[in-house]
Amino acid sequence: IALATNAAYALAALAALSVLAILAILAVVATLAIATIATIAAIALATNATYALTTLAALITFSAFIF
């Protein structure tokens, strides 16, 4: 009986550990995904800002030519 209960406890502990490990892996994956999305968003914002600036500069030079 003692051996059986010890085995049951060991199995339960193993199951708990594997669940924790899976959760930890999921947390890492989620963090990486969020970081990647944030990086992509930052790059997109930077390119948009650059495009906006070049468009503005083009408009200014164009209006300078007109006037």
Protein backbone atom coordinates (compact mmCIF):
# COMPACT_ATOMS: atom_id res chain seq x y z
CA ILE A 1 0.00 0.00 0.00
CA ALA A 2 2.81 2.40 0.91
CA LEU A 3 4.56 1.71 -2.37
CA ALA A 4 1.33 2.22 -4.31
CA THR A 5 0.60 5.56 -2.61
CA ASN A 6 4.22 6.68 -3.17
CA ALA A 7 3.91 5.79 -6.86
CA ALA A 8 0.60 7.67 -7.08
CA TYR A 9 2.18 10.71 -5.41
CA ALA A 10 5.16 10.53 -7.77
CA LEU A 11 2.85 10.32 -10.78
CA ALA A 12 0.79 13.27 -9.54
CA ALA A 13 3.95 15.32 -8.95
CA LEU A 14 5.22 14.42 -12.43
CA ALA A 15 1.92 15.44 -13.99
CA ALA A 16 1.98 18.74 -12.10
CA LEU A 17 5.56 19.37 -13.21
CA SER A 18 4.78 18.65 -16.85
CA VAL A 19 1.76 20.99 -16.72
CA LEU A 20 3.98 23.69 -15.20
CA ALA A 21 6.60 23.12 -17.88
CA ILE A 22 3.98 23.39 -20.63
CA LEU A 23 2.64 26.61 -19.07
CA ALA A 24 6.16 28.03 -18.85
CA ILE A 25 6.82 27.20 -22.51
CA LEU A 26 3.50 28.79 -23.49
CA ALA A 27 4.38 31.91 -21.51
CA VAL A 28 7.74 32.19 -23.27
CA VAL A 29 6.08 31.71 -26.67
CA ALA A 30 3.46 34.34 -25.85
CA THR A 31 6.14 36.79 -24.71
CA LEU A 32 8.14 36.20 -27.89
CA ALA A 33 5.02 36.66 -30.03
CA ILE A 34 4.15 39.93 -28.27
CA ALA A 35 7.73 41.18 -28.67
CA THR A 36 7.73 40.27 -32.36
CA ILE A 37 4.37 42.00 -32.94
CA ALA A 38 5.61 45.08 -31.08
CA THR A 39 8.79 45.14 -33.18
CA ILE A 40 6.84 44.81 -36.42
CA ALA A 41 4.48 47.57 -35.30
CA ALA A 42 7.42 49.82 -34.42
CA ILE A 43 9.03 49.21 -37.80
CA ALA A 44 5.72 49.87 -39.57
CA LEU A 45 5.29 53.12 -37.61
CA ALA A 46 8.83 54.19 -38.45
CA THR A 47 8.33 53.50 -42.15
CA ASN A 48 5.00 55.31 -42.09
CA ALA A 49 6.67 58.29 -40.42
CA THR A 50 9.42 58.26 -43.06
CA TYR A 51 6.87 58.10 -45.84
CA ALA A 52 4.91 60.95 -44.25
CA LEU A 53 8.09 63.05 -43.95
CA THR A 54 9.15 62.41 -47.56
CA THR A 55 5.62 63.21 -48.77
CA LEU A 56 5.68 66.42 -46.73
CA ALA A 57 9.07 67.36 -48.10
CA ALA A 58 7.87 66.65 -51.64
CA LEU A 59 4.78 68.77 -51.07
CA ILE A 60 6.86 71.63 -49.67
CA THR A 61 9.29 71.59 -52.61
CA PHE A 62 6.36 71.31 -55.02
CA SER A 63 4.60 74.32 -53.48
CA ALA A 64 7.91 76.21 -53.46
CA PHE A 65 8.14 75.58 -57.23
CA ILE A 66 4.57 76.84 -57.69
CA PHE A 67 5.16 79.98 -55.67
